[in-house]
Amino acid sequence: MILYTCAAQKHGATAPVVKHPCGLAAKALDDAGLTYEVRVVGGFKHVPFSRRGKRQEIIELTGQAVVPVLVTDDDSIITGSRAIVAWAQSQPAVQSAS
């Protein structure tokens, strides 16, 4: 699996007031025990033109430039932290080897 994030990557899921969407998505995947690769895309949400040319892969996958985006092992594409969290929580628990 691949989780596309901004430069915050896994940070910000436990911030006291405003939780960071990329961090929330990563935390949900971690909590579910899922294995994934993080790919950082450039640019910032509130800085005009900062994303220009830096999120082409995301645009080609989803038609938009907003992260987080998860590409699952079966090539399903899930956009947005809420949808990624819901998907991660719906996955069967990972069995630990005894």
PDB file of N, CA and C in Angstrom:
ATOM      1  N   MET A   1       0.839  -1.176   0.000  1.00  0.00           N
ATOM      2  CA  MET A   1       0.000   0.000   0.000  1.00  0.00           C
ATOM      3  C   MET A   1       0.879   1.231   0.000  1.00  0.00           C
ATOM      4  N   ILE A   2       0.332   2.293  -0.526  1.00  0.00           N
ATOM      5  CA  ILE A   2       1.045   3.570  -0.558  1.00  0.00           C
ATOM      6  C   ILE A   2       0.131   4.639   0.030  1.00  0.00           C
ATOM      7  N   LEU A   3       0.639   5.366   1.003  1.00  0.00           N
ATOM      8  CA  LEU A   3      -0.066   6.518   1.559  1.00  0.00           C
ATOM      9  C   LEU A   3       0.659   7.771   1.098  1.00  0.00           C
ATOM     10  N   TYR A   4      -0.012   8.560   0.273  1.00  0.00           N
ATOM     11  CA  TYR A   4       0.540   9.839  -0.177  1.00  0.00           C
ATOM     12  C   TYR A   4       0.173  10.893   0.859  1.00  0.00           C
ATOM     13  N   THR A   5       1.182  11.650   1.306  1.00  0.00           N
ATOM     14  CA  THR A   5       0.968  12.682   2.316  1.00  0.00           C
ATOM     15  C   THR A   5       1.691  13.963   1.919  1.00  0.00           C
ATOM     16  N   CYS A   6       1.433  15.005   2.678  1.00  0.00           N
ATOM     17  CA  CYS A   6       2.218  16.226   2.564  1.00  0.00           C
ATOM     18  C   CYS A   6       3.494  16.030   3.383  1.00  0.00           C
ATOM     19  N   ALA A   7       4.247  17.066   3.565  1.00  0.00           N
ATOM     20  CA  ALA A   7       5.511  16.974   4.304  1.00  0.00           C
ATOM     21  C   ALA A   7       5.313  16.587   5.771  1.00  0.00           C
ATOM     22  N   ALA A   8       4.115  16.733   6.300  1.00  0.00           N
ATOM     23  CA  ALA A   8       3.862  16.359   7.694  1.00  0.00           C
ATOM     24  C   ALA A   8       3.956  14.858   7.913  1.00  0.00           C
ATOM     25  N   GLN A   9       3.780  14.081   6.874  1.00  0.00           N
ATOM     26  CA  GLN A   9       3.840  12.629   6.914  1.00  0.00           C
ATOM     27  C   GLN A   9       2.947  12.059   8.007  1.00  0.00           C
ATOM     28  N   LYS A  10       3.518  11.487   9.057  1.00  0.00           N
ATOM     29  CA  LYS A  10       2.746  10.836  10.118  1.00  0.00           C
ATOM     30  C   LYS A  10       2.482  11.755  11.310  1.00  0.00           C
ATOM     31  N   HIS A  11       2.911  12.983  11.236  1.00  0.00           N
ATOM     32  CA  HIS A  11       2.813  13.888  12.378  1.00  0.00           C
ATOM     33  C   HIS A  11       1.434  14.554  12.465  1.00  0.00           C
ATOM     34  N   GLY A  12       1.065  14.944  13.648  1.00  0.00           N
ATOM     35  CA  GLY A  12      -0.118  15.762  13.857  1.00  0.00           C
ATOM     36  C   GLY A  12      -1.388  15.029  14.210  1.00  0.00           C
ATOM     37  N   ALA A  13      -1.351  13.717  14.302  1.00  0.00           N
ATOM     38  CA  ALA A  13      -2.564  12.964  14.634  1.00  0.00           C
ATOM     39  C   ALA A  13      -2.993  13.176  16.076  1.00  0.00           C
ATOM     40  N   THR A  14      -2.054  13.530  16.930  1.00  0.00           N
ATOM     41  CA  THR A  14      -2.380  13.703  18.345  1.00  0.00           C
ATOM     42  C   THR A  14      -2.290  15.154  18.790  1.00  0.00           C
ATOM     43  N   ALA A  15      -2.303  16.068  17.837  1.00  0.00           N
ATOM     44  CA  ALA A  15      -2.275  17.490  18.194  1.00  0.00           C
ATOM     45  C   ALA A  15      -3.467  17.803  19.092  1.00  0.00           C
ATOM     46  N   PRO A  16      -3.298  18.729  20.041  1.00  0.00           N
ATOM     47  CA  PRO A  16      -4.359  18.965  21.028  1.00  0.00           C
ATOM     48  C   PRO A  16      -5.650  19.546  20.462  1.00  0.00           C
ATOM     49  N   VAL A  17      -5.584  20.381  19.458  1.00  0.00           N
ATOM     50  CA  VAL A  17      -6.803  21.031  18.980  1.00  0.00           C
ATOM     51  C   VAL A  17      -7.163  20.590  17.566  1.00  0.00           C
ATOM     52  N   VAL A  18      -6.314  20.903  16.613  1.00  0.00           N
ATOM     53  CA  VAL A  18      -6.596  20.576  15.216  1.00  0.00           C
ATOM     54  C   VAL A  18      -5.687  19.422  14.800  1.00  0.00           C
ATOM     55  N   LYS A  19      -6.313  18.300  14.460  1.00  0.00           N
ATOM     56  CA  LYS A  19      -5.563  17.120  14.040  1.00  0.00           C
ATOM     57  C   LYS A  19      -5.193  17.255  12.567  1.00  0.00           C
ATOM     58  N   HIS A  20      -3.987  16.813  12.203  1.00  0.00           N
ATOM     59  CA  HIS A  20      -3.541  16.903  10.811  1.00  0.00           C
ATOM     60  C   HIS A  20      -4.067  15.705  10.031  1.00  0.00           C
ATOM     61  N   PRO A  21      -4.716  15.921   8.873  1.00  0.00           N
ATOM     62  CA  PRO A  21      -5.316  14.825   8.112  1.00  0.00           C
ATOM     63  C   PRO A  21      -4.337  13.721   7.718  1.00  0.00           C
ATOM     64  N   CYS A  22      -3.133  14.071   7.309  1.00  0.00           N
ATOM     65  CA  CYS A  22      -2.165  13.049   6.901  1.00  0.00           C
ATOM     66  C   CYS A  22      -1.758  12.197   8.100  1.00  0.00           C
ATOM     67  N   GLY A  23      -1.568  12.833   9.243  1.00  0.00           N
ATOM     68  CA  GLY A  23      -1.227  12.100  10.455  1.00  0.00           C
ATOM     69  C   GLY A  23      -2.352  11.191  10.915  1.00  0.00           C
ATOM     70  N   LEU A  24      -3.593  11.667  10.804  1.00  0.00           N
ATOM     71  CA  LEU A  24      -4.742  10.840  11.181  1.00  0.00           C
ATOM     72  C   LEU A  24      -4.821   9.582  10.317  1.00  0.00           C
ATOM     73  N   ALA A  25      -4.609   9.744   9.025  1.00  0.00           N
ATOM     74  CA  ALA A  25      -4.660   8.596   8.112  1.00  0.00           C
ATOM     75  C   ALA A  25      -3.558   7.596   8.462  1.00  0.00           C
ATOM     76  N   ALA A  26      -2.346   8.085   8.672  1.00  0.00           N
ATOM     77  CA  ALA A  26      -1.229   7.207   9.005  1.00  0.00           C
ATOM     78  C   ALA A  26      -1.468   6.492  10.336  1.00  0.00           C
ATOM     79  N   LYS A  27      -1.974   7.207  11.328  1.00  0.00           N
ATOM     80  CA  LYS A  27      -2.234   6.599  12.634  1.00  0.00           C
ATOM     81  C   LYS A  27      -3.265   5.489  12.515  1.00  0.00           C
ATOM     82  N   ALA A  28      -4.296   5.695  11.725  1.00  0.00           N
ATOM     83  CA  ALA A  28      -5.325   4.661  11.549  1.00  0.00           C
ATOM     84  C   ALA A  28      -4.732   3.407  10.912  1.00  0.00           C
ATOM     85  N   LEU A  29      -3.869   3.596   9.916  1.00  0.00           N
ATOM     86  CA  LEU A  29      -3.215   2.447   9.282  1.00  0.00           C
ATOM     87  C   LEU A  29      -2.304   1.735  10.277  1.00  0.00           C
ATOM     88  N   ASP A  30      -1.558   2.517  11.071  1.00  0.00           N
ATOM     89  CA  ASP A  30      -0.680   1.940  12.089  1.00  0.00           C
ATOM     90  C   ASP A  30      -1.497   1.178  13.135  1.00  0.00           C
ATOM     91  N   ASP A  31      -2.579   1.793  13.603  1.00  0.00           N
ATOM     92  CA  ASP A  31      -3.425   1.170  14.623  1.00  0.00           C
ATOM     93  C   ASP A  31      -4.022  -0.146  14.125  1.00  0.00           C
ATOM     94  N   ALA A  32      -4.283  -0.221  12.812  1.00  0.00           N
ATOM     95  CA  ALA A  32      -4.835  -1.443  12.224  1.00  0.00           C
ATOM     96  C   ALA A  32      -3.751  -2.487  11.952  1.00  0.00           C
ATOM     97  N   GLY A  33      -2.479  -2.116  12.182  1.00  0.00           N
ATOM     98  CA  GLY A  33      -1.379  -3.040  11.968  1.00  0.00           C
ATOM     99  C   GLY A  33      -1.056  -3.277  10.502  1.00  0.00           C
ATOM    100  N   LEU A  34      -1.426  -2.320   9.662  1.00  0.00           N
ATOM    101  CA  LEU A  34      -1.217  -2.467   8.225  1.00  0.00           C
ATOM    102  C   LEU A  34       0.163  -1.960   7.819  1.00  0.00           C
ATOM    103  N   THR A  35       0.741  -2.576   6.812  1.00  0.00           N
ATOM    104  CA  THR A  35       2.043  -2.188   6.293  1.00  0.00           C
ATOM    105  C   THR A  35       1.836  -1.323   5.063  1.00  0.00           C
ATOM    106  N   TYR A  36       2.538  -0.205   5.004  1.00  0.00           N
ATOM    107  CA  TYR A  36       2.383   0.725   3.887  1.00  0.00           C
ATOM    108  C   TYR A  36       3.639   1.553   3.728  1.00  0.00           C
ATOM    109  N   GLU A  37       3.757   2.134   2.556  1.00  0.00           N
ATOM    110  CA  GLU A  37       4.862   3.040   2.242  1.00  0.00           C
ATOM    111  C   GLU A  37       4.311   4.467   2.252  1.00  0.00           C
ATOM    112  N   VAL A  38       5.056   5.400   2.806  1.00  0.00           N
ATOM    113  CA  VAL A  38       4.672   6.814   2.769  1.00  0.00           C
ATOM    114  C   VAL A  38       5.401   7.479   1.616  1.00  0.00           C
ATOM    115  N   ARG A  39       4.643   8.170   0.774  1.00  0.00           N
ATOM    116  CA  ARG A  39       5.243   8.977  -0.292  1.00  0.00           C
ATOM    117  C   ARG A  39       4.807  10.423  -0.085  1.00  0.00           C
ATOM    118  N   VAL A  40       5.782  11.285   0.071  1.00  0.00           N
ATOM    119  CA  VAL A  40       5.521  12.702   0.312  1.00  0.00           C
ATOM    120  C   VAL A  40       5.409  13.426  -1.019  1.00  0.00           C
ATOM    121  N   VAL A  41       4.351  14.213  -1.152  1.00  0.00           N
ATOM    122  CA  VAL A  41       4.196  15.066  -2.332  1.00  0.00           C
ATOM    123  C   VAL A  41       4.447  16.504  -1.911  1.00  0.00           C
ATOM    124  N   GLY A  42       4.922  17.320  -2.824  1.00  0.00           N
ATOM    125  CA  GLY A  42       5.308  18.690  -2.506  1.00  0.00           C
ATOM    126  C   GLY A  42       4.139  19.649  -2.458  1.00  0.00           C
ATOM    127  N   GLY A  43       4.434  20.816  -1.971  1.00  0.00           N
ATOM    128  CA  GLY A  43       3.454  21.894  -1.929  1.00  0.00           C
ATOM    129  C   GLY A  43       2.676  21.928  -0.629  1.00  0.00           C
ATOM    130  N   PHE A  44       2.021  23.062  -0.418  1.00  0.00           N
ATOM    131  CA  PHE A  44       1.263  23.279   0.807  1.00  0.00           C
ATOM    132  C   PHE A  44      -0.135  23.767   0.464  1.00  0.00           C
ATOM    133  N   LYS A  45      -1.106  23.353   1.254  1.00  0.00           N
ATOM    134  CA  LYS A  45      -2.519  23.645   0.991  1.00  0.00           C
ATOM    135  C   LYS A  45      -2.814  25.141   0.906  1.00  0.00           C
ATOM    136  N   HIS A  46      -2.256  25.928   1.792  1.00  0.00           N
ATOM    137  CA  HIS A  46      -2.617  27.345   1.872  1.00  0.00           C
ATOM    138  C   HIS A  46      -1.569  28.292   1.287  1.00  0.00           C
ATOM    139  N   VAL A  47      -0.666  27.756   0.476  1.00  0.00           N
ATOM    140  CA  VAL A  47       0.348  28.595  -0.164  1.00  0.00           C
ATOM    141  C   VAL A  47       0.102  28.555  -1.675  1.00  0.00           C
ATOM    142  N   PRO A  48      -0.394  29.653  -2.225  1.00  0.00           N
ATOM    143  CA  PRO A  48      -0.723  29.664  -3.649  1.00  0.00           C
ATOM    144  C   PRO A  48       0.445  29.227  -4.519  1.00  0.00           C
ATOM    145  N   PHE A  49       0.134  28.397  -5.485  1.00  0.00           N
ATOM    146  CA  PHE A  49       1.068  27.897  -6.499  1.00  0.00           C
ATOM    147  C   PHE A  49       2.159  26.973  -5.956  1.00  0.00           C
ATOM    148  N   SER A  50       2.185  26.687  -4.670  1.00  0.00           N
ATOM    149  CA  SER A  50       3.257  25.840  -4.125  1.00  0.00           C
ATOM    150  C   SER A  50       3.138  24.389  -4.578  1.00  0.00           C
ATOM    151  N   ARG A  51       1.934  23.978  -4.985  1.00  0.00           N
ATOM    152  CA  ARG A  51       1.741  22.588  -5.412  1.00  0.00           C
ATOM    153  C   ARG A  51       1.966  22.406  -6.907  1.00  0.00           C
ATOM    154  N   ARG A  52       2.114  23.495  -7.634  1.00  0.00           N
ATOM    155  CA  ARG A  52       2.210  23.421  -9.090  1.00  0.00           C
ATOM    156  C   ARG A  52       3.327  22.467  -9.515  1.00  0.00           C
ATOM    157  N   GLY A  53       2.951  21.425 -10.254  1.00  0.00           N
ATOM    158  CA  GLY A  53       3.899  20.460 -10.775  1.00  0.00           C
ATOM    159  C   GLY A  53       4.429  19.464  -9.765  1.00  0.00           C
ATOM    160  N   LYS A  54       4.003  19.553  -8.514  1.00  0.00           N
ATOM    161  CA  LYS A  54       4.540  18.693  -7.463  1.00  0.00           C
ATOM    162  C   LYS A  54       3.581  17.574  -7.052  1.00  0.00           C
ATOM    163  N   ARG A  55       2.367  17.618  -7.564  1.00  0.00           N
ATOM    164  CA  ARG A  55       1.376  16.614  -7.170  1.00  0.00           C
ATOM    165  C   ARG A  55       0.745  15.958  -8.390  1.00  0.00           C
ATOM    166  N   GLN A  56       1.501  15.906  -9.475  1.00  0.00           N
ATOM    167  CA  GLN A  56       0.952  15.359 -10.715  1.00  0.00           C
ATOM    168  C   GLN A  56       0.505  13.911 -10.555  1.00  0.00           C
ATOM    169  N   GLU A  57       1.254  13.128  -9.801  1.00  0.00           N
ATOM    170  CA  GLU A  57       0.885  11.722  -9.604  1.00  0.00           C
ATOM    171  C   GLU A  57      -0.465  11.613  -8.894  1.00  0.00           C
ATOM    172  N   ILE A  58      -0.701  12.462  -7.903  1.00  0.00           N
ATOM    173  CA  ILE A  58      -1.976  12.470  -7.187  1.00  0.00           C
ATOM    174  C   ILE A  58      -3.103  12.900  -8.130  1.00  0.00           C
ATOM    175  N   ILE A  59      -2.849  13.910  -8.911  1.00  0.00           N
ATOM    176  CA  ILE A  59      -3.866  14.387  -9.859  1.00  0.00           C
ATOM    177  C   ILE A  59      -4.218  13.291 -10.856  1.00  0.00           C
ATOM    178  N   GLU A  60      -3.214  12.575 -11.350  1.00  0.00           N
ATOM    179  CA  GLU A  60      -3.477  11.485 -12.296  1.00  0.00           C
ATOM    180  C   GLU A  60      -4.269  10.355 -11.642  1.00  0.00           C
ATOM    181  N   LEU A  61      -4.020  10.081 -10.364  1.00  0.00           N
ATOM    182  CA  LEU A  61      -4.729   9.015  -9.658  1.00  0.00           C
ATOM    183  C   LEU A  61      -6.163   9.391  -9.308  1.00  0.00           C
ATOM    184  N   THR A  62      -6.356  10.655  -8.895  1.00  0.00           N
ATOM    185  CA  THR A  62      -7.639  11.025  -8.283  1.00  0.00           C
ATOM    186  C   THR A  62      -8.383  12.159  -8.972  1.00  0.00           C
ATOM    187  N   GLY A  63      -7.706  12.911  -9.829  1.00  0.00           N
ATOM    188  CA  GLY A  63      -8.350  14.065 -10.447  1.00  0.00           C
ATOM    189  C   GLY A  63      -8.309  15.313  -9.587  1.00  0.00           C
ATOM    190  N   GLN A  64      -7.648  15.233  -8.437  1.00  0.00           N
ATOM    191  CA  GLN A  64      -7.523  16.392  -7.540  1.00  0.00           C
ATOM    192  C   GLN A  64      -6.137  16.347  -6.901  1.00  0.00           C
ATOM    193  N   ALA A  65      -5.764  17.408  -6.188  1.00  0.00           N
ATOM    194  CA  ALA A  65      -4.393  17.516  -5.673  1.00  0.00           C
ATOM    195  C   ALA A  65      -4.297  17.463  -4.155  1.00  0.00           C
ATOM    196  N   VAL A  66      -5.350  17.017  -3.483  1.00  0.00           N
ATOM    197  CA  VAL A  66      -5.381  17.043  -2.026  1.00  0.00           C
ATOM    198  C   VAL A  66      -4.937  15.691  -1.458  1.00  0.00           C
ATOM    199  N   VAL A  67      -4.122  15.721  -0.408  1.00  0.00           N
ATOM    200  CA  VAL A  67      -3.708  14.512   0.310  1.00  0.00           C
ATOM    201  C   VAL A  67      -4.309  14.543   1.707  1.00  0.00           C
ATOM    202  N   PRO A  68      -4.454  13.418   2.361  1.00  0.00           N
ATOM    203  CA  PRO A  68      -3.887  12.114   2.077  1.00  0.00           C
ATOM    204  C   PRO A  68      -4.679  11.332   1.041  1.00  0.00           C
ATOM    205  N   VAL A  69      -3.941  10.443   0.362  1.00  0.00           N
ATOM    206  CA  VAL A  69      -4.520   9.503  -0.601  1.00  0.00           C
ATOM    207  C   VAL A  69      -3.882   8.149  -0.318  1.00  0.00           C
ATOM    208  N   LEU A  70      -4.717   7.116  -0.251  1.00  0.00           N
ATOM    209  CA  LEU A  70      -4.227   5.763  -0.035  1.00  0.00           C
ATOM    210  C   LEU A  70      -4.495   4.931  -1.272  1.00  0.00           C
ATOM    211  N   VAL A  71      -3.464   4.245  -1.745  1.00  0.00           N
ATOM    212  CA  VAL A  71      -3.619   3.255  -2.808  1.00  0.00           C
ATOM    213  C   VAL A  71      -3.426   1.903  -2.136  1.00  0.00           C
ATOM    214  N   THR A  72      -4.481   1.097  -2.123  1.00  0.00           N
ATOM    215  CA  THR A  72      -4.437  -0.185  -1.423  1.00  0.00           C
ATOM    216  C   THR A  72      -3.724  -1.235  -2.268  1.00  0.00           C
ATOM    217  N   ASP A  73      -3.513  -2.382  -1.673  1.00  0.00           N
ATOM    218  CA  ASP A  73      -2.826  -3.474  -2.373  1.00  0.00           C
ATOM    219  C   ASP A  73      -3.587  -3.958  -3.596  1.00  0.00           C
ATOM    220  N   ASP A  74      -4.919  -3.770  -3.603  1.00  0.00           N
ATOM    221  CA  ASP A  74      -5.698  -4.167  -4.778  1.00  0.00           C
ATOM    222  C   ASP A  74      -5.932  -2.993  -5.731  1.00  0.00           C
ATOM    223  N   ASP A  75      -5.126  -1.934  -5.559  1.00  0.00           N
ATOM    224  CA  ASP A  75      -5.159  -0.728  -6.396  1.00  0.00           C
ATOM    225  C   ASP A  75      -6.430   0.112  -6.253  1.00  0.00           C
ATOM    226  N   SER A  76      -7.168  -0.091  -5.170  1.00  0.00           N
ATOM    227  CA  SER A  76      -8.269   0.817  -4.861  1.00  0.00           C
ATOM    228  C   SER A  76      -7.670   2.133  -4.384  1.00  0.00           C
ATOM    229  N   ILE A  77      -8.358   3.226  -4.667  1.00  0.00           N
ATOM    230  CA  ILE A  77      -7.869   4.540  -4.263  1.00  0.00           C
ATOM    231  C   ILE A  77      -8.864   5.144  -3.283  1.00  0.00           C
ATOM    232  N   ILE A  78      -8.347   5.530  -2.128  1.00  0.00           N
ATOM    233  CA  ILE A  78      -9.173   6.116  -1.071  1.00  0.00           C
ATOM    234  C   ILE A  78      -8.625   7.504  -0.787  1.00  0.00           C
ATOM    235  N   THR A  79      -9.485   8.510  -0.874  1.00  0.00           N
ATOM    236  CA  THR A  79      -9.045   9.890  -0.668  1.00  0.00           C
ATOM    237  C   THR A  79      -9.638  10.471   0.607  1.00  0.00           C
ATOM    238  N   GLY A  80      -8.845  11.248   1.283  1.00  0.00           N
ATOM    239  CA  GLY A  80      -9.296  11.949   2.476  1.00  0.00           C
ATOM    240  C   GLY A  80      -9.087  11.140   3.744  1.00  0.00           C
ATOM    241  N   SER A  81      -8.762  11.839   4.812  1.00  0.00           N
ATOM    242  CA  SER A  81      -8.444  11.156   6.064  1.00  0.00           C
ATOM    243  C   SER A  81      -9.633  10.402   6.632  1.00  0.00           C
ATOM    244  N   ARG A  82     -10.824  10.958   6.560  1.00  0.00           N
ATOM    245  CA  ARG A  82     -12.000  10.263   7.122  1.00  0.00           C
ATOM    246  C   ARG A  82     -12.236   8.932   6.422  1.00  0.00           C
ATOM    247  N   ALA A  83     -12.154   8.933   5.102  1.00  0.00           N
ATOM    248  CA  ALA A  83     -12.375   7.701   4.342  1.00  0.00           C
ATOM    249  C   ALA A  83     -11.262   6.692   4.609  1.00  0.00           C
ATOM    250  N   ILE A  84     -10.028   7.166   4.731  1.00  0.00           N
ATOM    251  CA  ILE A  84      -8.904   6.261   5.008  1.00  0.00           C
ATOM    252  C   ILE A  84      -9.038   5.670   6.404  1.00  0.00           C
ATOM    253  N   VAL A  85      -9.403   6.489   7.378  1.00  0.00           N
ATOM    254  CA  VAL A  85      -9.595   5.990   8.747  1.00  0.00           C
ATOM    255  C   VAL A  85     -10.703   4.935   8.765  1.00  0.00           C
ATOM    256  N   ALA A  86     -11.825   5.224   8.126  1.00  0.00           N
ATOM    257  CA  ALA A  86     -12.942   4.265   8.088  1.00  0.00           C
ATOM    258  C   ALA A  86     -12.518   2.966   7.419  1.00  0.00           C
ATOM    259  N   TRP A  87     -11.785   3.072   6.318  1.00  0.00           N
ATOM    260  CA  TRP A  87     -11.318   1.872   5.616  1.00  0.00           C
ATOM    261  C   TRP A  87     -10.386   1.059   6.514  1.00  0.00           C
ATOM    262  N   ALA A  88      -9.426   1.721   7.153  1.00  0.00           N
ATOM    263  CA  ALA A  88      -8.468   1.029   8.021  1.00  0.00           C
ATOM    264  C   ALA A  88      -9.190   0.323   9.166  1.00  0.00           C
ATOM    265  N   GLN A  89     -10.182   0.982   9.742  1.00  0.00           N
ATOM    266  CA  GLN A  89     -10.915   0.388  10.860  1.00  0.00           C
ATOM    267  C   GLN A  89     -11.762  -0.799  10.416  1.00  0.00           C
ATOM    268  N   SER A  90     -12.087  -0.875   9.136  1.00  0.00           N
ATOM    269  CA  SER A  90     -12.913  -1.979   8.630  1.00  0.00           C
ATOM    270  C   SER A  90     -12.088  -3.206   8.246  1.00  0.00           C
ATOM    271  N   GLN A  91     -10.782  -3.088   8.282  1.00  0.00           N
ATOM    272  CA  GLN A  91      -9.914  -4.201   7.880  1.00  0.00           C
ATOM    273  C   GLN A  91      -9.827  -5.229   9.007  1.00  0.00           C
ATOM    274  N   PRO A  92      -9.736  -6.503   8.621  1.00  0.00           N
ATOM    275  CA  PRO A  92      -9.592  -7.546   9.650  1.00  0.00           C
ATOM    276  C   PRO A  92      -8.323  -7.316  10.464  1.00  0.00           C
ATOM    277  N   ALA A  93      -8.385  -7.660  11.725  1.00  0.00           N
ATOM    278  CA  ALA A  93      -7.213  -7.510  12.598  1.00  0.00           C
ATOM    279  C   ALA A  93      -6.072  -8.363  12.079  1.00  0.00           C
ATOM    280  N   VAL A  94      -4.880  -7.803  12.139  1.00  0.00           N
ATOM    281  CA  VAL A  94      -3.687  -8.539  11.717  1.00  0.00           C
ATOM    282  C   VAL A  94      -3.366  -9.567  12.798  1.00  0.00           C
ATOM    283  N   GLN A  95      -3.209 -10.822  12.379  1.00  0.00           N
ATOM    284  CA  GLN A  95      -2.891 -11.898  13.323  1.00  0.00           C
ATOM    285  C   GLN A  95      -1.400 -11.886  13.617  1.00  0.00           C
ATOM    286  N   SER A  96      -1.029 -11.904  14.871  1.00  0.00           N
ATOM    287  CA  SER A  96       0.392 -11.966  15.215  1.00  0.00           C
ATOM    288  C   SER A  96       0.823 -13.428  15.267  1.00  0.00           C
ATOM    289  N   ALA A  97       2.046 -13.668  14.816  1.00  0.00           N
ATOM    290  CA  ALA A  97       2.578 -15.027  14.822  1.00  0.00           C
ATOM    291  C   ALA A  97       2.943 -15.417  16.247  1.00  0.00           C
ATOM    292  N   SER A  98       2.538 -16.607  16.662  1.00  0.00           N
ATOM    293  CA  SER A  98       2.841 -17.068  18.024  1.00  0.00           C
ATOM    294  C   SER A  98       3.894 -18.136  18.003  1.00  0.00           C
TER     295      SER A  98
END
